């Protein structure tokens, strides 16, 4: 049977139209799976990430599943299980997921894997904040009011985001007061409240006047120690000014809710890439939170100037 040239052209045009519609962003069907290492009610990293999964589900009208309290040894298998079950956007939350996401992305290249707060991973997307900038602002503010020249940071593990925050804090202290020291402690446990509190007491005994807790549920222990010893908290994840205003010196708010929503929306539109997404201060996912109202006006003006320089790109890291 012979087809006329006109019929062939018409059929080709119809096929192209259907194919374009099927591949269009509006037609993309996203099934999101999110995995967190801790409790989704920890009032810290795990909770805000989970809230991001929920926000993406509700805002974009997509299917969403999640797993919480996933131990590091089980992370790769959990990620891969979601891929096997047809979830096409799978997110691991936290720097400890790097190897798990790397393995899963290699085994399931058709699934879009992402890692939050992670070192760069071939074949997967990473979502990060300008952690050196966060640390700089915290260190600069503490340096401006410091009497001992010592502040601290307590983290669960020596991961890149924690290292970057500590580096930024050191630079901020130096620019604020010409020197200073940043004490760094790794508890090897993101959630142990008692261990985190002990680490905070240890830094305070060494002269630390302000501490950045870069933890999950362990944040509770650090804040308890700061309250008992009348020292300052520097918020690098959530705004202590909202729930612990007496100890809050300055906080930077990492809205993982907005970061997750931004990425999943790109996936739904067919625009998500396997690359690093870096959010800076001034973007929807990263903003300056509460500044203690008792800080001198001159220091508040300096902080405002630093934030403006970060936003404009005048101050780089």
C-alpha atoms as a PDB file:
ATOM      1  CA  UNK A   1       0.000   0.000   0.000  1.00  0.00           C
ATOM      2  CA  UNK A   2       1.395   3.375  -1.038  1.00  0.00           C
ATOM      3  CA  UNK A   3       0.891   6.547   0.997  1.00  0.00           C
ATOM      4  CA  UNK A   4       0.669   9.907  -0.658  1.00  0.00           C
ATOM      5  CA  UNK A   5       3.363  12.444   0.073  1.00  0.00           C
ATOM      6  CA  UNK A   6       0.728  14.694   1.660  1.00  0.00           C
ATOM      7  CA  UNK A   7      -0.431  11.898   3.996  1.00  0.00           C
ATOM      8  CA  UNK A   8       3.127  11.097   5.034  1.00  0.00           C
ATOM      9  CA  UNK A   9       3.768  14.746   5.865  1.00  0.00           C
ATOM     10  CA  UNK A  10       0.510  15.007   7.785  1.00  0.00           C
ATOM     11  CA  UNK A  11       1.302  11.857   9.770  1.00  0.00           C
ATOM     12  CA  UNK A  12       4.794  13.102  10.568  1.00  0.00           C
ATOM     13  CA  UNK A  13       3.414  16.433  11.717  1.00  0.00           C
ATOM     14  CA  UNK A  14       0.853  14.735  13.929  1.00  0.00           C
ATOM     15  CA  UNK A  15       3.524  12.473  15.452  1.00  0.00           C
ATOM     16  CA  UNK A  16       5.781  15.440  16.175  1.00  0.00           C
ATOM     17  CA  UNK A  17       2.908  17.291  17.817  1.00  0.00           C
ATOM     18  CA  UNK A  18       1.981  14.333  20.012  1.00  0.00           C
ATOM     19  CA  UNK A  19       5.628  13.718  20.940  1.00  0.00           C
ATOM     20  CA  UNK A  20       6.142  17.355  21.846  1.00  0.00           C
ATOM     21  CA  UNK A  21       3.048  17.314  24.036  1.00  0.00           C
ATOM     22  CA  UNK A  22       4.127  14.110  25.769  1.00  0.00           C
ATOM     23  CA  UNK A  23       7.551  15.558  26.513  1.00  0.00           C
ATOM     24  CA  UNK A  24       6.286  18.964  27.549  1.00  0.00           C
ATOM     25  CA  UNK A  25       6.912  20.148  31.118  1.00  0.00           C
ATOM     26  CA  UNK A  26       3.185  20.207  31.832  1.00  0.00           C
ATOM     27  CA  UNK A  27       2.920  16.526  30.959  1.00  0.00           C
ATOM     28  CA  UNK A  28       5.766  15.426  33.227  1.00  0.00           C
ATOM     29  CA  UNK A  29       4.581  13.043  35.922  1.00  0.00           C
ATOM     30  CA  UNK A  30       6.735  13.295  39.009  1.00  0.00           C
ATOM     31  CA  UNK A  31       6.839  10.714  41.765  1.00  0.00           C
ATOM     32  CA  UNK A  32       8.950  12.110  44.586  1.00  0.00           C
ATOM     33  CA  UNK A  33      10.651  10.032  47.272  1.00  0.00           C
ATOM     34  CA  UNK A  34      12.476  11.765  50.102  1.00  0.00           C
ATOM     35  CA  UNK A  35      14.777  10.120  52.622  1.00  0.00           C
ATOM     36  CA  UNK A  36      16.034  11.688  55.866  1.00  0.00           C
ATOM     37  CA  UNK A  37      18.494  10.240  58.399  1.00  0.00           C
ATOM     38  CA  UNK A  38      16.684  11.479  61.499  1.00  0.00           C
ATOM     39  CA  UNK A  39      13.255  12.221  62.896  1.00  0.00           C
ATOM     40  CA  UNK A  40      10.853  14.413  60.923  1.00  0.00           C
ATOM     41  CA  UNK A  41       9.883  16.083  64.216  1.00  0.00           C
ATOM     42  CA  UNK A  42      13.409  17.060  65.343  1.00  0.00           C
ATOM     43  CA  UNK A  43      12.718  20.808  64.917  1.00  0.00           C
ATOM     44  CA  UNK A  44      15.922  20.980  62.883  1.00  0.00           C
ATOM     45  CA  UNK A  45      17.294  19.736  59.565  1.00  0.00           C
ATOM     46  CA  UNK A  46      15.213  16.574  59.154  1.00  0.00           C
ATOM     47  CA  UNK A  47      11.950  18.321  59.941  1.00  0.00           C
ATOM     48  CA  UNK A  48      12.472  21.251  57.560  1.00  0.00           C
ATOM     49  CA  UNK A  49      13.541  18.907  54.759  1.00  0.00           C
ATOM     50  CA  UNK A  50      10.453  16.763  55.320  1.00  0.00           C
ATOM     51  CA  UNK A  51       8.355  19.927  55.230  1.00  0.00           C
ATOM     52  CA  UNK A  52       9.962  20.602  51.852  1.00  0.00           C
ATOM     53  CA  UNK A  53       8.803  17.223  50.550  1.00  0.00           C
ATOM     54  CA  UNK A  54       5.287  17.970  51.765  1.00  0.00           C
ATOM     55  CA  UNK A  55       5.359  21.484  50.292  1.00  0.00           C
ATOM     56  CA  UNK A  56       6.423  20.109  46.895  1.00  0.00           C
ATOM     57  CA  UNK A  57       3.668  17.487  47.035  1.00  0.00           C
ATOM     58  CA  UNK A  58       0.954  19.968  47.940  1.00  0.00           C
ATOM     59  CA  UNK A  59       2.102  22.819  45.710  1.00  0.00           C
ATOM     60  CA  UNK A  60       2.796  20.762  42.600  1.00  0.00           C
ATOM     61  CA  UNK A  61       0.139  18.094  43.054  1.00  0.00           C
ATOM     62  CA  UNK A  62       2.544  15.165  42.841  1.00  0.00           C
ATOM     63  CA  UNK A  63       2.856  11.739  44.427  1.00  0.00           C
ATOM     64  CA  UNK A  64       5.244  11.715  47.405  1.00  0.00           C
ATOM     65  CA  UNK A  65       6.658   9.074  49.734  1.00  0.00           C
ATOM     66  CA  UNK A  66       9.289   9.371  52.440  1.00  0.00           C
ATOM     67  CA  UNK A  67      11.435   7.414  54.873  1.00  0.00           C
ATOM     68  CA  UNK A  68      12.813   8.764  58.149  1.00  0.00           C
ATOM     69  CA  UNK A  69      15.465   7.604  60.635  1.00  0.00           C
ATOM     70  CA  UNK A  70      17.402   5.812  57.892  1.00  0.00           C
ATOM     71  CA  UNK A  71      20.814   4.718  59.131  1.00  0.00           C
ATOM     72  CA  UNK A  72      23.829   5.402  56.954  1.00  0.00           C
ATOM     73  CA  UNK A  73      24.420   1.712  56.301  1.00  0.00           C
ATOM     74  CA  UNK A  74      20.896   1.385  54.866  1.00  0.00           C
ATOM     75  CA  UNK A  75      20.699   4.592  52.836  1.00  0.00           C
ATOM     76  CA  UNK A  76      21.781   3.250  49.457  1.00  0.00           C
ATOM     77  CA  UNK A  77      19.322   0.361  49.589  1.00  0.00           C
ATOM     78  CA  UNK A  78      16.435   2.650  50.572  1.00  0.00           C
ATOM     79  CA  UNK A  79      17.212   5.073  47.724  1.00  0.00           C
ATOM     80  CA  UNK A  80      17.495   2.240  45.208  1.00  0.00           C
ATOM     81  CA  UNK A  81      14.287   0.634  46.425  1.00  0.00           C
ATOM     82  CA  UNK A  82      12.404   3.816  45.616  1.00  0.00           C
ATOM     83  CA  UNK A  83      13.943   3.846  42.134  1.00  0.00           C
ATOM     84  CA  UNK A  84      12.878   0.218  41.587  1.00  0.00           C
ATOM     85  CA  UNK A  85       9.337   1.151  42.620  1.00  0.00           C
ATOM     86  CA  UNK A  86       9.086   3.837  39.978  1.00  0.00           C
ATOM     87  CA  UNK A  87       9.849   7.013  41.904  1.00  0.00           C
ATOM     88  CA  UNK A  88      11.654   9.166  39.358  1.00  0.00           C
ATOM     89  CA  UNK A  89      12.912  11.935  41.676  1.00  0.00           C
ATOM     90  CA  UNK A  90      14.660  10.541  44.752  1.00  0.00           C
ATOM     91  CA  UNK A  91      16.305  12.807  47.336  1.00  0.00           C
ATOM     92  CA  UNK A  92      18.734  11.975  50.137  1.00  0.00           C
ATOM     93  CA  UNK A  93      19.102  14.587  52.868  1.00  0.00           C
ATOM     94  CA  UNK A  94      22.495  15.300  54.377  1.00  0.00           C
ATOM     95  CA  UNK A  95      26.188  15.009  53.622  1.00  0.00           C
ATOM     96  CA  UNK A  96      26.264  11.431  54.887  1.00  0.00           C
ATOM     97  CA  UNK A  97      24.228  10.435  51.809  1.00  0.00           C
ATOM     98  CA  UNK A  98      27.012  11.158  49.299  1.00  0.00           C
ATOM     99  CA  UNK A  99      28.198   7.581  48.795  1.00  0.00           C
ATOM    100  CA  UNK A 100      24.654   6.197  48.841  1.00  0.00           C
ATOM    101  CA  UNK A 101      23.449   8.660  46.195  1.00  0.00           C
ATOM    102  CA  UNK A 102      26.574   8.038  44.125  1.00  0.00           C
ATOM    103  CA  UNK A 103      25.894   4.285  44.094  1.00  0.00           C
ATOM    104  CA  UNK A 104      22.169   4.658  43.426  1.00  0.00           C
ATOM    105  CA  UNK A 105      22.731   7.112  40.557  1.00  0.00           C
ATOM    106  CA  UNK A 106      25.180   4.716  38.952  1.00  0.00           C
ATOM    107  CA  UNK A 107      22.796   1.761  39.201  1.00  0.00           C
ATOM    108  CA  UNK A 108      19.652   3.654  38.170  1.00  0.00           C
ATOM    109  CA  UNK A 109      20.763   6.313  35.659  1.00  0.00           C
ATOM    110  CA  UNK A 110      17.202   7.010  34.503  1.00  0.00           C
ATOM    111  CA  UNK A 111      16.171   8.157  37.981  1.00  0.00           C
ATOM    112  CA  UNK A 112      16.913  11.740  38.979  1.00  0.00           C
ATOM    113  CA  UNK A 113      18.728  11.514  42.303  1.00  0.00           C
ATOM    114  CA  UNK A 114      19.543  14.550  44.405  1.00  0.00           C
ATOM    115  CA  UNK A 115      21.557  15.032  47.571  1.00  0.00           C
ATOM    116  CA  UNK A 116      20.935  17.914  49.964  1.00  0.00           C
ATOM    117  CA  UNK A 117      23.897  19.574  51.663  1.00  0.00           C
ATOM    118  CA  UNK A 118      26.373  17.315  49.886  1.00  0.00           C
ATOM    119  CA  UNK A 119      29.691  17.330  48.079  1.00  0.00           C
ATOM    120  CA  UNK A 120      29.344  17.209  44.285  1.00  0.00           C
ATOM    121  CA  UNK A 121      28.283  13.855  42.822  1.00  0.00           C
ATOM    122  CA  UNK A 122      28.676  12.728  39.208  1.00  0.00           C
ATOM    123  CA  UNK A 123      25.329  11.756  37.723  1.00  0.00           C
ATOM    124  CA  UNK A 124      23.227  13.378  40.447  1.00  0.00           C
ATOM    125  CA  UNK A 125      22.039  16.819  41.465  1.00  0.00           C
ATOM    126  CA  UNK A 126      23.263  18.453  44.645  1.00  0.00           C
ATOM    127  CA  UNK A 127      21.505  21.259  46.498  1.00  0.00           C
ATOM    128  CA  UNK A 128      23.709  23.409  48.690  1.00  0.00           C
ATOM    129  CA  UNK A 129      23.866  26.722  50.465  1.00  0.00           C
ATOM    130  CA  UNK A 130      26.743  29.153  50.382  1.00  0.00           C
ATOM    131  CA  UNK A 131      27.932  27.798  53.709  1.00  0.00           C
ATOM    132  CA  UNK A 132      31.088  29.890  53.780  1.00  0.00           C
ATOM    133  CA  UNK A 133      28.892  32.956  53.464  1.00  0.00           C
ATOM    134  CA  UNK A 134      26.665  31.726  56.290  1.00  0.00           C
ATOM    135  CA  UNK A 135      29.677  31.102  58.502  1.00  0.00           C
ATOM    136  CA  UNK A 136      31.174  34.479  57.612  1.00  0.00           C
ATOM    137  CA  UNK A 137      28.065  36.379  58.715  1.00  0.00           C
ATOM    138  CA  UNK A 138      27.843  34.426  61.985  1.00  0.00           C
ATOM    139  CA  UNK A 139      31.553  34.806  62.733  1.00  0.00           C
ATOM    140  CA  UNK A 140      31.569  38.494  61.807  1.00  0.00           C
ATOM    141  CA  UNK A 141      28.616  39.247  64.095  1.00  0.00           C
ATOM    142  CA  UNK A 142      30.112  37.304  67.001  1.00  0.00           C
ATOM    143  CA  UNK A 143      33.472  38.985  66.461  1.00  0.00           C
ATOM    144  CA  UNK A 144      31.891  42.416  66.705  1.00  0.00           C
ATOM    145  CA  UNK A 145      30.579  41.737  70.227  1.00  0.00           C
ATOM    146  CA  UNK A 146      33.182  39.252  71.463  1.00  0.00           C
ATOM    147  CA  UNK A 147      35.207  39.840  74.636  1.00  0.00           C
ATOM    148  CA  UNK A 148      37.273  36.641  74.648  1.00  0.00           C
ATOM    149  CA  UNK A 149      37.850  36.348  70.909  1.00  0.00           C
ATOM    150  CA  UNK A 150      36.595  32.755  70.969  1.00  0.00           C
ATOM    151  CA  UNK A 151      33.505  31.178  69.440  1.00  0.00           C
ATOM    152  CA  UNK A 152      32.642  27.595  68.547  1.00  0.00           C
ATOM    153  CA  UNK A 153      30.910  25.232  66.164  1.00  0.00           C
ATOM    154  CA  UNK A 154      29.620  21.748  66.989  1.00  0.00           C
ATOM    155  CA  UNK A 155      28.747  19.312  64.214  1.00  0.00           C
ATOM    156  CA  UNK A 156      27.790  15.661  63.972  1.00  0.00           C
ATOM    157  CA  UNK A 157      30.432  14.794  61.381  1.00  0.00           C
ATOM    158  CA  UNK A 158      33.302  16.361  59.477  1.00  0.00           C
ATOM    159  CA  UNK A 159      31.393  16.922  56.240  1.00  0.00           C
ATOM    160  CA  UNK A 160      32.023  19.617  53.661  1.00  0.00           C
ATOM    161  CA  UNK A 161      29.173  21.960  54.712  1.00  0.00           C
ATOM    162  CA  UNK A 162      30.431  21.927  58.306  1.00  0.00           C
ATOM    163  CA  UNK A 163      33.998  22.587  57.179  1.00  0.00           C
ATOM    164  CA  UNK A 164      32.813  25.463  55.005  1.00  0.00           C
ATOM    165  CA  UNK A 165      30.824  27.043  57.832  1.00  0.00           C
ATOM    166  CA  UNK A 166      33.826  26.818  60.161  1.00  0.00           C
ATOM    167  CA  UNK A 167      36.082  28.360  57.511  1.00  0.00           C
ATOM    168  CA  UNK A 168      33.608  31.183  56.982  1.00  0.00           C
ATOM    169  CA  UNK A 169      33.342  31.795  60.720  1.00  0.00           C
ATOM    170  CA  UNK A 170      37.114  32.130  61.003  1.00  0.00           C
ATOM    171  CA  UNK A 171      37.252  34.648  58.170  1.00  0.00           C
ATOM    172  CA  UNK A 172      34.337  36.604  59.608  1.00  0.00           C
ATOM    173  CA  UNK A 173      35.954  36.771  63.041  1.00  0.00           C
ATOM    174  CA  UNK A 174      39.197  37.977  61.503  1.00  0.00           C
ATOM    175  CA  UNK A 175      37.510  40.726  59.522  1.00  0.00           C
ATOM    176  CA  UNK A 176      35.466  41.831  62.533  1.00  0.00           C
ATOM    177  CA  UNK A 177      38.191  41.948  65.163  1.00  0.00           C
ATOM    178  CA  UNK A 178      41.509  41.274  63.464  1.00  0.00           C
ATOM    179  CA  UNK A 179      41.836  37.732  64.766  1.00  0.00           C
ATOM    180  CA  UNK A 180      39.914  35.379  66.998  1.00  0.00           C
ATOM    181  CA  UNK A 181      39.586  31.613  67.321  1.00  0.00           C
ATOM    182  CA  UNK A 182      36.889  29.183  66.260  1.00  0.00           C
ATOM    183  CA  UNK A 183      36.694  25.988  68.312  1.00  0.00           C
ATOM    184  CA  UNK A 184      35.334  23.039  66.336  1.00  0.00           C
ATOM    185  CA  UNK A 185      33.984  19.807  67.820  1.00  0.00           C
ATOM    186  CA  UNK A 186      32.579  16.763  66.003  1.00  0.00           C
ATOM    187  CA  UNK A 187      30.359  14.589  68.173  1.00  0.00           C
ATOM    188  CA  UNK A 188      30.006  11.733  65.643  1.00  0.00           C
ATOM    189  CA  UNK A 189      26.299  11.736  66.431  1.00  0.00           C
ATOM    190  CA  UNK A 190      23.752  14.122  64.930  1.00  0.00           C
ATOM    191  CA  UNK A 191      21.008  13.445  67.456  1.00  0.00           C
ATOM    192  CA  UNK A 192      22.565  12.706  70.853  1.00  0.00           C
ATOM    193  CA  UNK A 193      21.396  15.592  73.057  1.00  0.00           C
ATOM    194  CA  UNK A 194      23.614  14.705  76.036  1.00  0.00           C
ATOM    195  CA  UNK A 195      26.743  14.393  73.910  1.00  0.00           C
ATOM    196  CA  UNK A 196      26.042  17.716  72.183  1.00  0.00           C
ATOM    197  CA  UNK A 197      25.452  19.439  75.514  1.00  0.00           C
ATOM    198  CA  UNK A 198      28.720  18.068  76.881  1.00  0.00           C
ATOM    199  CA  UNK A 199      30.560  19.328  73.791  1.00  0.00           C
ATOM    200  CA  UNK A 200      29.050  22.784  74.290  1.00  0.00           C
ATOM    201  CA  UNK A 201      30.087  22.860  77.942  1.00  0.00           C
ATOM    202  CA  UNK A 202      33.587  21.913  76.819  1.00  0.00           C
ATOM    203  CA  UNK A 203      33.813  24.810  74.381  1.00  0.00           C
ATOM    204  CA  UNK A 204      32.347  27.254  76.900  1.00  0.00           C
ATOM    205  CA  UNK A 205      34.976  26.176  79.449  1.00  0.00           C
ATOM    206  CA  UNK A 206      37.606  27.109  76.858  1.00  0.00           C
ATOM    207  CA  UNK A 207      36.190  30.606  76.519  1.00  0.00           C
ATOM    208  CA  UNK A 208      33.655  30.311  73.707  1.00  0.00           C
ATOM    209  CA  UNK A 209      31.053  33.073  74.003  1.00  0.00           C
ATOM    210  CA  UNK A 210      28.887  31.949  71.092  1.00  0.00           C
ATOM    211  CA  UNK A 211      28.371  28.549  69.452  1.00  0.00           C
ATOM    212  CA  UNK A 212      26.935  27.421  66.122  1.00  0.00           C
ATOM    213  CA  UNK A 213      25.198  24.047  66.539  1.00  0.00           C
ATOM    214  CA  UNK A 214      25.300  22.291  63.168  1.00  0.00           C
ATOM    215  CA  UNK A 215      23.328  19.219  64.228  1.00  0.00           C
ATOM    216  CA  UNK A 216      19.953  17.547  64.022  1.00  0.00           C
ATOM    217  CA  UNK A 217      18.241  16.825  67.345  1.00  0.00           C
ATOM    218  CA  UNK A 218      21.583  17.443  69.076  1.00  0.00           C
ATOM    219  CA  UNK A 219      20.878  21.162  68.690  1.00  0.00           C
ATOM    220  CA  UNK A 220      18.666  20.845  71.771  1.00  0.00           C
ATOM    221  CA  UNK A 221      21.643  19.929  73.953  1.00  0.00           C
ATOM    222  CA  UNK A 222      23.781  22.815  72.698  1.00  0.00           C
ATOM    223  CA  UNK A 223      21.008  25.335  73.320  1.00  0.00           C
ATOM    224  CA  UNK A 224      20.445  23.945  76.822  1.00  0.00           C
ATOM    225  CA  UNK A 225      24.116  24.489  77.632  1.00  0.00           C
ATOM    226  CA  UNK A 226      24.043  28.022  76.218  1.00  0.00           C
ATOM    227  CA  UNK A 227      20.963  28.846  78.272  1.00  0.00           C
ATOM    228  CA  UNK A 228      22.533  27.510  81.458  1.00  0.00           C
ATOM    229  CA  UNK A 229      25.798  29.385  80.923  1.00  0.00           C
ATOM    230  CA  UNK A 230      24.224  32.563  79.532  1.00  0.00           C
ATOM    231  CA  UNK A 231      26.069  32.379  76.206  1.00  0.00           C
ATOM    232  CA  UNK A 232      25.029  33.117  72.627  1.00  0.00           C
ATOM    233  CA  UNK A 233      23.635  30.826  69.951  1.00  0.00           C
ATOM    234  CA  UNK A 234      24.499  31.370  66.290  1.00  0.00           C
ATOM    235  CA  UNK A 235      21.821  29.870  64.056  1.00  0.00           C
ATOM    236  CA  UNK A 236      23.036  28.299  60.819  1.00  0.00           C
ATOM    237  CA  UNK A 237      19.941  26.219  60.024  1.00  0.00           C
ATOM    238  CA  UNK A 238      16.843  27.608  61.717  1.00  0.00           C
ATOM    239  CA  UNK A 239      16.017  30.926  63.342  1.00  0.00           C
ATOM    240  CA  UNK A 240      16.697  30.715  67.080  1.00  0.00           C
ATOM    241  CA  UNK A 241      15.124  34.149  67.378  1.00  0.00           C
ATOM    242  CA  UNK A 242      11.736  32.502  66.874  1.00  0.00           C
ATOM    243  CA  UNK A 243      11.969  29.880  69.618  1.00  0.00           C
ATOM    244  CA  UNK A 244      15.019  30.771  71.740  1.00  0.00           C
ATOM    245  CA  UNK A 245      15.221  34.578  71.548  1.00  0.00           C
ATOM    246  CA  UNK A 246      17.175  35.016  74.792  1.00  0.00           C
ATOM    247  CA  UNK A 247      20.219  33.108  73.508  1.00  0.00           C
ATOM    248  CA  UNK A 248      19.972  34.070  69.843  1.00  0.00           C
ATOM    249  CA  UNK A 249      22.713  36.437  68.679  1.00  0.00           C
ATOM    250  CA  UNK A 250      22.011  36.099  64.965  1.00  0.00           C
ATOM    251  CA  UNK A 251      20.469  33.383  62.830  1.00  0.00           C
ATOM    252  CA  UNK A 252      20.531  32.526  59.157  1.00  0.00           C
ATOM    253  CA  UNK A 253      17.490  30.592  57.999  1.00  0.00           C
ATOM    254  CA  UNK A 254      18.030  27.726  55.585  1.00  0.00           C
ATOM    255  CA  UNK A 255      14.636  27.120  54.017  1.00  0.00           C
ATOM    256  CA  UNK A 256      15.051  23.585  52.801  1.00  0.00           C
ATOM    257  CA  UNK A 257      11.327  23.779  52.163  1.00  0.00           C
ATOM    258  CA  UNK A 258      11.933  26.329  49.409  1.00  0.00           C
ATOM    259  CA  UNK A 259      15.077  24.599  48.154  1.00  0.00           C
ATOM    260  CA  UNK A 260      13.258  21.282  47.712  1.00  0.00           C
ATOM    261  CA  UNK A 261      10.271  22.984  46.106  1.00  0.00           C
ATOM    262  CA  UNK A 262      12.543  24.873  43.680  1.00  0.00           C
ATOM    263  CA  UNK A 263      14.271  21.672  42.559  1.00  0.00           C
ATOM    264  CA  UNK A 264      11.147  19.513  42.267  1.00  0.00           C
ATOM    265  CA  UNK A 265       9.369  22.254  40.323  1.00  0.00           C
ATOM    266  CA  UNK A 266      12.277  22.268  37.856  1.00  0.00           C
ATOM    267  CA  UNK A 267      11.943  18.488  37.572  1.00  0.00           C
ATOM    268  CA  UNK A 268       8.241  18.781  36.874  1.00  0.00           C
ATOM    269  CA  UNK A 269       8.983  21.369  34.180  1.00  0.00           C
ATOM    270  CA  UNK A 270      11.610  19.114  32.640  1.00  0.00           C
ATOM    271  CA  UNK A 271      14.376  21.580  33.475  1.00  0.00           C
ATOM    272  CA  UNK A 272      16.158  19.898  36.385  1.00  0.00           C
ATOM    273  CA  UNK A 273      19.822  19.070  35.750  1.00  0.00           C
ATOM    274  CA  UNK A 274      22.328  16.781  37.359  1.00  0.00           C
ATOM    275  CA  UNK A 275      24.464  19.647  38.645  1.00  0.00           C
ATOM    276  CA  UNK A 276      25.109  21.649  41.801  1.00  0.00           C
ATOM    277  CA  UNK A 277      22.448  24.179  42.809  1.00  0.00           C
ATOM    278  CA  UNK A 278      23.986  26.770  45.136  1.00  0.00           C
ATOM    279  CA  UNK A 279      21.671  29.093  47.081  1.00  0.00           C
ATOM    280  CA  UNK A 280      23.063  32.387  48.349  1.00  0.00           C
ATOM    281  CA  UNK A 281      21.906  34.755  51.069  1.00  0.00           C
ATOM    282  CA  UNK A 282      19.076  36.796  49.612  1.00  0.00           C
ATOM    283  CA  UNK A 283      17.491  33.932  47.675  1.00  0.00           C
ATOM    284  CA  UNK A 284      14.161  32.410  48.707  1.00  0.00           C
ATOM    285  CA  UNK A 285      15.842  29.330  50.244  1.00  0.00           C
ATOM    286  CA  UNK A 286      18.408  31.327  52.291  1.00  0.00           C
ATOM    287  CA  UNK A 287      17.708  34.464  54.282  1.00  0.00           C
ATOM    288  CA  UNK A 288      18.917  36.360  57.321  1.00  0.00           C
ATOM    289  CA  UNK A 289      16.756  35.575  60.315  1.00  0.00           C
ATOM    290  CA  UNK A 290      16.540  37.361  63.658  1.00  0.00           C
ATOM    291  CA  UNK A 291      19.285  39.639  64.936  1.00  0.00           C
ATOM    292  CA  UNK A 292      19.319  40.109  68.694  1.00  0.00           C
ATOM    293  CA  UNK A 293      17.685  43.490  69.406  1.00  0.00           C
ATOM    294  CA  UNK A 294      20.242  44.303  72.113  1.00  0.00           C
ATOM    295  CA  UNK A 295      23.151  44.382  69.663  1.00  0.00           C
ATOM    296  CA  UNK A 296      24.484  47.972  69.386  1.00  0.00           C
ATOM    297  CA  UNK A 297      23.085  49.988  66.494  1.00  0.00           C
ATOM    298  CA  UNK A 298      26.550  50.415  64.988  1.00  0.00           C
ATOM    299  CA  UNK A 299      27.009  46.631  64.858  1.00  0.00           C
ATOM    300  CA  UNK A 300      23.573  46.194  63.279  1.00  0.00           C
ATOM    301  CA  UNK A 301      24.625  48.671  60.592  1.00  0.00           C
ATOM    302  CA  UNK A 302      27.820  46.673  59.978  1.00  0.00           C
ATOM    303  CA  UNK A 303      25.805  43.454  59.696  1.00  0.00           C
ATOM    304  CA  UNK A 304      23.441  45.094  57.224  1.00  0.00           C
ATOM    305  CA  UNK A 305      26.399  46.228  55.117  1.00  0.00           C
ATOM    306  CA  UNK A 306      27.899  42.718  55.108  1.00  0.00           C
ATOM    307  CA  UNK A 307      24.584  41.208  53.992  1.00  0.00           C
ATOM    308  CA  UNK A 308      24.332  43.776  51.190  1.00  0.00           C
ATOM    309  CA  UNK A 309      27.874  42.964  50.039  1.00  0.00           C
ATOM    310  CA  UNK A 310      27.095  39.232  49.998  1.00  0.00           C
ATOM    311  CA  UNK A 311      23.899  39.781  48.022  1.00  0.00           C
ATOM    312  CA  UNK A 312      25.586  42.041  45.474  1.00  0.00           C
ATOM    313  CA  UNK A 313      28.548  39.724  45.009  1.00  0.00           C
ATOM    314  CA  UNK A 314      31.015  42.301  46.315  1.00  0.00           C
ATOM    315  CA  UNK A 315      31.908  39.879  49.092  1.00  0.00           C
ATOM    316  CA  UNK A 316      32.741  36.446  47.707  1.00  0.00           C
ATOM    317  CA  UNK A 317      33.855  33.147  49.227  1.00  0.00           C
END
